[in-house]
Amino acid sequence: MLKFLSKVRFEFNARDPRIGSCMEFLAQCNTRKAKESNPACQILVKRRVDDIPPKIGVTFVNGVEEVFDGTTVSVQTLRNLISEKSQLLETEQRFRQAGHEWPVIIPEEELQQPVPAAKHSSDEAANKQTKENRRVRRDISEAQISVRILHWSM
C-alpha cells in the first residue's frame, strides 16, 4: 500500500467524533506489512485542538500530493485511489526502465485501425479442424511406432 508513497500525513483533533477514517487508515499504515513495503515512507501525525475537519495527505514518490477530507472519504475509497495512482506510477517506471518515453504517444492512424476479429473457441469449424489434425498426428505416430517395432523384430 505504501510502496509508491513517500509521505502520509494525518491531521485531526483526537476528540473529534469524525476521525474514524483517519484512525483506521493510520492503523493500516502502521502495520508491519505496510511498513515493509516501503520503509522510507514517512508517516506523520499532527494532533490539532481546533475544529478543522480531519485530513489525510498522501505524497507520491513523484512529488504529487493529494489531501483528502477525513470526514467524507472511506478507507476503502482511499486505498483504491492510492492503488490506482500507484499502478500508473509502476507502469511509468517500467516503461522508463525499458528505455521507452513516457507518456506513450499512439499515432492517430494506429488508433483508427480496425481491431482484428478474435478467434472464439466456440467456432465449430476451427474445433473440427483441430480435432482432425490431432487424429492425423496420432495415426502417424502410431504408424511410426508400428514400423519401428516391426523393424526391430526382424
N, C-alpha and C. Protein backbone atom coordinates (compact mmCIF):
# COMPACT_ATOMS: atom_id res chain seq x y z
N MET A 1 0.82 -1.19 0.00
CA MET A 1 0.00 0.00 0.00
C MET A 1 0.87 1.26 0.00
N LEU A 2 1.97 1.23 0.72
CA LEU A 2 2.83 2.42 0.82
C LEU A 2 3.96 2.41 -0.20
N LYS A 3 3.99 1.42 -1.08
CA LYS A 3 5.12 1.23 -1.98
C LYS A 3 5.48 2.48 -2.78
N PHE A 4 4.50 3.20 -3.31
CA PHE A 4 4.78 4.36 -4.14
C PHE A 4 4.47 5.67 -3.43
N LEU A 5 4.44 5.64 -2.10
CA LEU A 5 4.20 6.85 -1.32
C LEU A 5 5.49 7.24 -0.61
N SER A 6 5.76 8.54 -0.56
CA SER A 6 6.93 9.00 0.19
C SER A 6 6.52 9.55 1.55
N LYS A 7 5.25 9.98 1.66
CA LYS A 7 4.81 10.55 2.93
C LYS A 7 3.29 10.41 3.05
N VAL A 8 2.84 10.10 4.28
CA VAL A 8 1.42 10.10 4.61
C VAL A 8 1.27 10.98 5.85
N ARG A 9 0.41 11.99 5.74
CA ARG A 9 0.25 12.98 6.82
C ARG A 9 -1.19 12.97 7.31
N PHE A 10 -1.34 12.85 8.61
CA PHE A 10 -2.66 12.88 9.25
C PHE A 10 -2.77 14.12 10.12
N GLU A 11 -3.88 14.82 10.00
CA GLU A 11 -4.17 15.97 10.86
C GLU A 11 -5.57 15.79 11.41
N PHE A 12 -5.68 15.77 12.74
CA PHE A 12 -7.00 15.61 13.33
C PHE A 12 -6.99 16.03 14.79
N ASN A 13 -8.18 16.32 15.30
CA ASN A 13 -8.38 16.57 16.72
C ASN A 13 -8.82 15.24 17.31
N ALA A 14 -8.11 14.78 18.31
CA ALA A 14 -8.39 13.47 18.89
C ALA A 14 -9.78 13.37 19.51
N ARG A 15 -10.39 14.48 19.84
CA ARG A 15 -11.73 14.47 20.44
C ARG A 15 -12.84 14.62 19.40
N ASP A 16 -12.46 14.77 18.16
CA ASP A 16 -13.44 14.93 17.09
C ASP A 16 -14.08 13.57 16.79
N PRO A 17 -15.40 13.47 16.79
CA PRO A 17 -16.05 12.18 16.52
C PRO A 17 -15.94 11.74 15.06
N ARG A 18 -15.44 12.59 14.17
CA ARG A 18 -15.36 12.29 12.74
C ARG A 18 -14.02 11.68 12.33
N ILE A 19 -13.21 11.23 13.27
CA ILE A 19 -11.85 10.77 12.94
C ILE A 19 -11.76 9.28 12.61
N GLY A 20 -12.88 8.62 12.47
CA GLY A 20 -12.87 7.17 12.24
C GLY A 20 -11.99 6.75 11.07
N SER A 21 -12.18 7.38 9.91
CA SER A 21 -11.39 7.01 8.72
C SER A 21 -9.91 7.28 8.93
N CYS A 22 -9.61 8.41 9.56
CA CYS A 22 -8.19 8.75 9.81
C CYS A 22 -7.54 7.70 10.69
N MET A 23 -8.21 7.32 11.74
CA MET A 23 -7.62 6.36 12.68
C MET A 23 -7.47 4.98 12.04
N GLU A 24 -8.48 4.58 11.27
CA GLU A 24 -8.40 3.28 10.61
C GLU A 24 -7.27 3.25 9.58
N PHE A 25 -7.16 4.32 8.78
CA PHE A 25 -6.09 4.37 7.78
C PHE A 25 -4.72 4.46 8.45
N LEU A 26 -4.63 5.21 9.54
CA LEU A 26 -3.38 5.30 10.29
C LEU A 26 -2.98 3.92 10.81
N ALA A 27 -3.94 3.18 11.32
CA ALA A 27 -3.66 1.83 11.81
C ALA A 27 -3.16 0.93 10.68
N GLN A 28 -3.76 1.06 9.50
CA GLN A 28 -3.33 0.25 8.36
C GLN A 28 -1.94 0.64 7.88
N CYS A 29 -1.62 1.91 7.96
CA CYS A 29 -0.28 2.37 7.56
C CYS A 29 0.80 1.90 8.53
N ASN A 30 0.41 1.65 9.77
CA ASN A 30 1.37 1.25 10.79
C ASN A 30 1.53 -0.26 10.91
N THR A 31 0.88 -1.03 10.04
CA THR A 31 1.06 -2.48 10.10
C THR A 31 2.45 -2.85 9.61
N ARG A 32 2.92 -3.99 10.04
CA ARG A 32 4.25 -4.46 9.66
C ARG A 32 4.35 -4.63 8.14
N LYS A 33 3.32 -5.21 7.53
CA LYS A 33 3.33 -5.44 6.09
C LYS A 33 3.42 -4.13 5.31
N ALA A 34 2.66 -3.13 5.73
CA ALA A 34 2.68 -1.83 5.05
C ALA A 34 4.04 -1.17 5.20
N LYS A 35 4.60 -1.21 6.39
CA LYS A 35 5.91 -0.59 6.60
C LYS A 35 7.01 -1.30 5.82
N GLU A 36 6.91 -2.64 5.70
CA GLU A 36 7.92 -3.39 4.95
C GLU A 36 7.84 -3.11 3.45
N SER A 37 6.65 -2.72 2.97
CA SER A 37 6.51 -2.43 1.53
C SER A 37 7.29 -1.17 1.14
N ASN A 38 7.48 -0.25 2.09
CA ASN A 38 8.26 0.96 1.82
C ASN A 38 8.75 1.55 3.14
N PRO A 39 9.89 1.08 3.65
CA PRO A 39 10.39 1.57 4.93
C PRO A 39 10.73 3.07 4.92
N ALA A 40 10.95 3.64 3.74
CA ALA A 40 11.33 5.05 3.66
C ALA A 40 10.12 5.99 3.74
N CYS A 41 8.93 5.45 3.65
CA CYS A 41 7.72 6.29 3.69
C CYS A 41 7.55 6.88 5.09
N GLN A 42 7.40 8.19 5.14
CA GLN A 42 7.21 8.88 6.43
C GLN A 42 5.73 8.91 6.78
N ILE A 43 5.42 8.57 8.01
CA ILE A 43 4.04 8.67 8.49
C ILE A 43 4.04 9.73 9.58
N LEU A 44 3.39 10.85 9.28
CA LEU A 44 3.38 11.99 10.19
C LEU A 44 1.98 12.19 10.76
N VAL A 45 1.91 12.42 12.06
CA VAL A 45 0.62 12.66 12.72
C VAL A 45 0.70 14.03 13.39
N LYS A 46 -0.25 14.89 13.04
CA LYS A 46 -0.33 16.21 13.66
C LYS A 46 -1.67 16.28 14.40
N ARG A 47 -1.57 16.35 15.71
CA ARG A 47 -2.78 16.45 16.52
C ARG A 47 -3.16 17.91 16.67
N ARG A 48 -4.41 18.21 16.41
CA ARG A 48 -4.89 19.58 16.45
C ARG A 48 -5.84 19.74 17.63
N VAL A 49 -6.08 20.99 17.98
CA VAL A 49 -7.01 21.29 19.07
C VAL A 49 -8.18 22.13 18.60
N ASP A 50 -8.21 22.45 17.30
CA ASP A 50 -9.30 23.27 16.76
C ASP A 50 -10.37 22.37 16.12
N ASP A 51 -11.34 22.99 15.49
CA ASP A 51 -12.46 22.25 14.90
C ASP A 51 -12.30 21.97 13.41
N ILE A 52 -11.11 22.09 12.87
CA ILE A 52 -10.89 21.81 11.45
C ILE A 52 -11.11 20.31 11.23
N PRO A 53 -11.83 19.95 10.14
CA PRO A 53 -12.09 18.53 9.87
C PRO A 53 -10.80 17.74 9.69
N PRO A 54 -10.84 16.45 10.01
CA PRO A 54 -9.66 15.60 9.84
C PRO A 54 -9.22 15.56 8.38
N LYS A 55 -7.91 15.54 8.17
CA LYS A 55 -7.34 15.50 6.82
C LYS A 55 -6.32 14.38 6.73
N ILE A 56 -6.28 13.79 5.54
CA ILE A 56 -5.27 12.77 5.25
C ILE A 56 -4.56 13.22 3.99
N GLY A 57 -3.27 13.45 4.09
CA GLY A 57 -2.48 13.87 2.94
C GLY A 57 -1.51 12.77 2.53
N VAL A 58 -1.47 12.47 1.25
CA VAL A 58 -0.52 11.48 0.75
C VAL A 58 0.36 12.13 -0.30
N THR A 59 1.65 11.86 -0.23
CA THR A 59 2.60 12.36 -1.21
C THR A 59 3.21 11.15 -1.91
N PHE A 60 3.07 11.11 -3.22
CA PHE A 60 3.60 10.01 -4.01
C PHE A 60 5.09 10.24 -4.27
N VAL A 61 5.77 9.19 -4.69
CA VAL A 61 7.22 9.28 -4.89
C VAL A 61 7.60 10.25 -6.00
N ASN A 62 6.66 10.58 -6.89
CA ASN A 62 6.96 11.55 -7.94
C ASN A 62 6.68 12.98 -7.49
N GLY A 63 6.32 13.18 -6.20
CA GLY A 63 6.12 14.51 -5.65
C GLY A 63 4.69 15.01 -5.67
N VAL A 64 3.79 14.29 -6.30
CA VAL A 64 2.39 14.70 -6.34
C VAL A 64 1.77 14.48 -4.97
N GLU A 65 1.12 15.53 -4.47
CA GLU A 65 0.49 15.45 -3.15
C GLU A 65 -1.02 15.61 -3.29
N GLU A 66 -1.74 14.78 -2.59
CA GLU A 66 -3.20 14.87 -2.56
C GLU A 66 -3.65 14.88 -1.11
N VAL A 67 -4.64 15.74 -0.84
CA VAL A 67 -5.18 15.84 0.51
C VAL A 67 -6.65 15.44 0.46
N PHE A 68 -7.04 14.56 1.38
CA PHE A 68 -8.41 14.06 1.43
C PHE A 68 -9.09 14.50 2.72
N ASP A 69 -10.37 14.77 2.62
CA ASP A 69 -11.17 15.12 3.79
C ASP A 69 -11.47 13.84 4.56
N GLY A 70 -10.96 13.73 5.76
CA GLY A 70 -11.13 12.53 6.57
C GLY A 70 -12.55 12.27 7.03
N THR A 71 -13.44 13.25 6.85
CA THR A 71 -14.83 13.05 7.28
C THR A 71 -15.67 12.43 6.18
N THR A 72 -15.28 12.59 4.92
CA THR A 72 -16.12 12.12 3.82
C THR A 72 -15.54 10.93 3.06
N VAL A 73 -14.25 10.71 3.13
CA VAL A 73 -13.64 9.62 2.37
C VAL A 73 -13.56 8.37 3.23
N SER A 74 -13.95 7.23 2.64
CA SER A 74 -13.82 5.97 3.36
C SER A 74 -12.41 5.42 3.15
N VAL A 75 -12.01 4.54 4.03
CA VAL A 75 -10.67 3.97 3.94
C VAL A 75 -10.54 3.15 2.66
N GLN A 76 -11.60 2.42 2.30
CA GLN A 76 -11.54 1.61 1.07
C GLN A 76 -11.40 2.49 -0.16
N THR A 77 -12.13 3.60 -0.19
CA THR A 77 -12.01 4.53 -1.31
C THR A 77 -10.60 5.10 -1.38
N LEU A 78 -10.05 5.45 -0.24
CA LEU A 78 -8.69 5.99 -0.18
C LEU A 78 -7.68 4.96 -0.66
N ARG A 79 -7.82 3.74 -0.22
CA ARG A 79 -6.92 2.67 -0.66
C ARG A 79 -7.02 2.44 -2.16
N ASN A 80 -8.26 2.48 -2.69
CA ASN A 80 -8.45 2.29 -4.13
C ASN A 80 -7.78 3.41 -4.94
N LEU A 81 -7.94 4.65 -4.48
CA LEU A 81 -7.32 5.78 -5.17
C LEU A 81 -5.79 5.66 -5.17
N ILE A 82 -5.25 5.31 -4.02
CA ILE A 82 -3.79 5.14 -3.91
C ILE A 82 -3.33 3.99 -4.80
N SER A 83 -4.09 2.91 -4.83
CA SER A 83 -3.74 1.76 -5.65
C SER A 83 -3.74 2.12 -7.13
N GLU A 84 -4.75 2.86 -7.59
CA GLU A 84 -4.83 3.26 -8.99
C GLU A 84 -3.64 4.14 -9.38
N LYS A 85 -3.33 5.12 -8.55
CA LYS A 85 -2.21 6.01 -8.85
C LYS A 85 -0.89 5.24 -8.80
N SER A 86 -0.78 4.31 -7.87
CA SER A 86 0.44 3.50 -7.76
C SER A 86 0.64 2.63 -8.99
N GLN A 87 -0.45 2.09 -9.52
CA GLN A 87 -0.34 1.28 -10.74
C GLN A 87 0.15 2.13 -11.91
N LEU A 88 -0.34 3.36 -12.00
CA LEU A 88 0.14 4.26 -13.05
C LEU A 88 1.62 4.57 -12.89
N LEU A 89 2.04 4.81 -11.65
CA LEU A 89 3.46 5.09 -11.39
C LEU A 89 4.32 3.88 -11.71
N GLU A 90 3.83 2.69 -11.38
CA GLU A 90 4.58 1.47 -11.66
C GLU A 90 4.71 1.25 -13.17
N THR A 91 3.63 1.51 -13.90
CA THR A 91 3.68 1.38 -15.36
C THR A 91 4.68 2.36 -15.95
N GLU A 92 4.63 3.60 -15.48
CA GLU A 92 5.58 4.61 -15.95
C GLU A 92 7.01 4.17 -15.66
N GLN A 93 7.22 3.66 -14.45
CA GLN A 93 8.56 3.23 -14.05
C GLN A 93 9.07 2.11 -14.96
N ARG A 94 8.20 1.16 -15.28
CA ARG A 94 8.61 0.04 -16.14
C ARG A 94 8.94 0.51 -17.56
N PHE A 95 8.14 1.44 -18.08
CA PHE A 95 8.42 1.97 -19.42
C PHE A 95 9.77 2.67 -19.43
N ARG A 96 10.02 3.48 -18.43
CA ARG A 96 11.29 4.22 -18.39
C ARG A 96 12.48 3.27 -18.23
N GLN A 97 12.32 2.22 -17.40
CA GLN A 97 13.40 1.25 -17.23
C GLN A 97 13.68 0.50 -18.52
N ALA A 98 12.66 0.31 -19.34
CA ALA A 98 12.83 -0.38 -20.62
C ALA A 98 13.37 0.55 -21.69
N GLY A 99 13.56 1.83 -21.36
CA GLY A 99 14.13 2.78 -22.31
C GLY A 99 13.11 3.45 -23.22
N HIS A 100 11.84 3.35 -22.87
CA HIS A 100 10.79 3.98 -23.66
C HIS A 100 10.43 5.34 -23.07
N GLU A 101 9.90 6.19 -23.94
CA GLU A 101 9.46 7.50 -23.48
C GLU A 101 8.13 7.38 -22.75
N TRP A 102 7.89 8.30 -21.85
CA TRP A 102 6.62 8.36 -21.12
C TRP A 102 6.10 9.77 -21.19
N PRO A 103 4.89 10.03 -21.45
CA PRO A 103 3.82 9.08 -21.72
C PRO A 103 3.94 8.52 -23.13
N VAL A 104 3.38 7.34 -23.32
CA VAL A 104 3.39 6.69 -24.62
C VAL A 104 2.41 7.43 -25.52
N ILE A 105 2.89 7.84 -26.68
CA ILE A 105 2.02 8.54 -27.62
C ILE A 105 1.70 7.59 -28.77
N ILE A 106 0.43 7.30 -28.95
CA ILE A 106 -0.01 6.40 -30.02
C ILE A 106 -0.45 7.27 -31.19
N PRO A 107 0.16 7.06 -32.35
CA PRO A 107 -0.22 7.86 -33.52
C PRO A 107 -1.71 7.69 -33.85
N GLU A 108 -2.31 8.77 -34.34
CA GLU A 108 -3.74 8.78 -34.65
C GLU A 108 -4.11 7.70 -35.66
N GLU A 109 -3.25 7.44 -36.65
CA GLU A 109 -3.58 6.43 -37.66
C GLU A 109 -3.65 5.03 -37.05
N GLU A 110 -2.86 4.76 -36.02
CA GLU A 110 -2.95 3.46 -35.35
C GLU A 110 -4.24 3.34 -34.56
N LEU A 111 -4.71 4.44 -34.01
CA LEU A 111 -5.96 4.41 -33.26
C LEU A 111 -7.16 4.16 -34.17
N GLN A 112 -7.03 4.52 -35.44
CA GLN A 112 -8.14 4.37 -36.40
C GLN A 112 -8.17 2.99 -37.05
N GLN A 113 -7.12 2.18 -36.86
CA GLN A 113 -7.08 0.87 -37.49
C GLN A 113 -8.12 -0.06 -36.87
N PRO A 114 -8.74 -0.90 -37.70
CA PRO A 114 -9.74 -1.83 -37.16
C PRO A 114 -9.07 -2.91 -36.31
N VAL A 115 -9.79 -3.37 -35.35
CA VAL A 115 -9.29 -4.42 -34.47
C VAL A 115 -9.52 -5.76 -35.16
N PRO A 116 -8.50 -6.63 -35.23
CA PRO A 116 -8.71 -7.92 -35.88
C PRO A 116 -9.72 -8.75 -35.10
N ALA A 117 -10.48 -9.55 -35.83
CA ALA A 117 -11.51 -10.38 -35.20
C ALA A 117 -10.84 -11.43 -34.31
N ALA A 118 -11.43 -11.62 -33.16
CA ALA A 118 -10.89 -12.60 -32.22
C ALA A 118 -11.38 -13.99 -32.62
N LYS A 119 -10.53 -14.98 -32.42
CA LYS A 119 -10.89 -16.36 -32.72
C LYS A 119 -11.55 -16.94 -31.48
N HIS A 120 -12.77 -17.37 -31.61
CA HIS A 120 -13.51 -17.91 -30.48
C HIS A 120 -13.34 -19.42 -30.42
N SER A 121 -13.20 -19.94 -29.22
CA SER A 121 -13.06 -21.38 -29.05
C SER A 121 -14.36 -22.10 -29.39
N SER A 122 -15.46 -21.35 -29.46
CA SER A 122 -16.73 -21.96 -29.79
C SER A 122 -16.94 -22.10 -31.30
N ASP A 123 -15.98 -21.66 -32.08
CA ASP A 123 -16.06 -21.76 -33.53
C ASP A 123 -15.96 -23.24 -33.91
N GLU A 124 -17.07 -23.80 -34.39
CA GLU A 124 -17.16 -25.23 -34.63
C GLU A 124 -16.21 -25.72 -35.73
N ALA A 125 -16.06 -24.94 -36.77
CA ALA A 125 -15.18 -25.35 -37.87
C ALA A 125 -13.73 -25.44 -37.39
N ALA A 126 -13.33 -24.48 -36.60
CA ALA A 126 -11.95 -24.49 -36.08
C ALA A 126 -11.74 -25.67 -35.14
N ASN A 127 -12.74 -25.97 -34.33
CA ASN A 127 -12.62 -27.11 -33.42
C ASN A 127 -12.53 -28.42 -34.19
N LYS A 128 -13.34 -28.57 -35.26
CA LYS A 128 -13.29 -29.80 -36.06
C LYS A 128 -11.92 -29.96 -36.71
N GLN A 129 -11.39 -28.84 -37.24
CA GLN A 129 -10.08 -28.90 -37.90
C GLN A 129 -8.99 -29.28 -36.89
N THR A 130 -9.06 -28.72 -35.70
CA THR A 130 -8.08 -29.04 -34.66
C THR A 130 -8.17 -30.51 -34.27
N LYS A 131 -9.36 -31.02 -34.09
CA LYS A 131 -9.54 -32.44 -33.74
C LYS A 131 -9.02 -33.34 -34.85
N GLU A 132 -9.30 -32.96 -36.11
CA GLU A 132 -8.83 -33.75 -37.24
C GLU A 132 -7.30 -33.76 -37.31
N ASN A 133 -6.69 -32.60 -37.06
CA ASN A 133 -5.22 -32.52 -37.06
C ASN A 133 -4.63 -33.40 -35.98
N ARG A 134 -5.24 -33.42 -34.81
CA ARG A 134 -4.75 -34.27 -33.71
C ARG A 134 -4.88 -35.75 -34.07
N ARG A 135 -6.03 -36.11 -34.69
CA ARG A 135 -6.25 -37.50 -35.06
C ARG A 135 -5.21 -37.95 -36.09
N VAL A 136 -4.94 -37.11 -37.07
CA VAL A 136 -3.96 -37.45 -38.11
C VAL A 136 -2.57 -37.60 -37.49
N ARG A 137 -2.19 -36.69 -36.61
CA ARG A 137 -0.88 -36.79 -35.95
C ARG A 137 -0.78 -38.06 -35.11
N ARG A 138 -1.88 -38.42 -34.43
CA ARG A 138 -1.89 -39.63 -33.61
C ARG A 138 -1.73 -40.86 -34.51
N ASP A 139 -2.46 -40.87 -35.64
CA ASP A 139 -2.37 -42.00 -36.56
C ASP A 139 -0.96 -42.15 -37.12
N ILE A 140 -0.34 -41.02 -37.47
CA ILE A 140 1.03 -41.05 -37.99
C ILE A 140 1.98 -41.57 -36.91
N SER A 141 1.81 -41.10 -35.69
CA SER A 141 2.68 -41.55 -34.60
C SER A 141 2.52 -43.04 -34.36
N GLU A 142 1.28 -43.53 -34.39
CA GLU A 142 1.05 -44.97 -34.20
C GLU A 142 1.68 -45.78 -35.32
N ALA A 143 1.58 -45.25 -36.55
CA ALA A 143 2.18 -45.95 -37.70
C ALA A 143 3.70 -45.98 -37.57
N GLN A 144 4.30 -44.89 -37.13
CA GLN A 144 5.75 -44.84 -36.97
C GLN A 144 6.19 -45.83 -35.89
N ILE A 145 5.41 -45.94 -34.83
CA ILE A 145 5.75 -46.88 -33.75
C ILE A 145 5.65 -48.31 -34.27
N SER A 146 4.61 -48.60 -35.05
CA SER A 146 4.43 -49.95 -35.60
C SER A 146 5.59 -50.32 -36.51
N VAL A 147 6.02 -49.38 -37.35
CA VAL A 147 7.14 -49.63 -38.26
C VAL A 147 8.40 -49.91 -37.46
N ARG A 148 8.64 -49.16 -36.42
CA ARG A 148 9.84 -49.37 -35.59
C ARG A 148 9.80 -50.73 -34.91
N ILE A 149 8.62 -51.11 -34.41
CA ILE A 149 8.51 -52.40 -33.73
C ILE A 149 8.77 -53.53 -34.74
N LEU A 150 8.18 -53.43 -35.94
CA LEU A 150 8.41 -54.45 -36.97
C LEU A 150 9.88 -54.51 -37.36
N HIS A 151 10.50 -53.37 -37.50
CA HIS A 151 11.89 -53.31 -37.89
C HIS A 151 12.78 -53.96 -36.84
N TRP A 152 12.48 -53.78 -35.57
CA TRP A 152 13.28 -54.34 -34.50
C TRP A 152 13.08 -55.86 -34.38
N SER A 153 11.89 -56.31 -34.71
CA SER A 153 11.62 -57.72 -34.52
C SER A 153 12.18 -58.56 -35.68
N MET A 154 12.58 -57.99 -36.76
CA MET A 154 13.10 -58.74 -37.91
C MET A 154 14.48 -59.21 -37.66
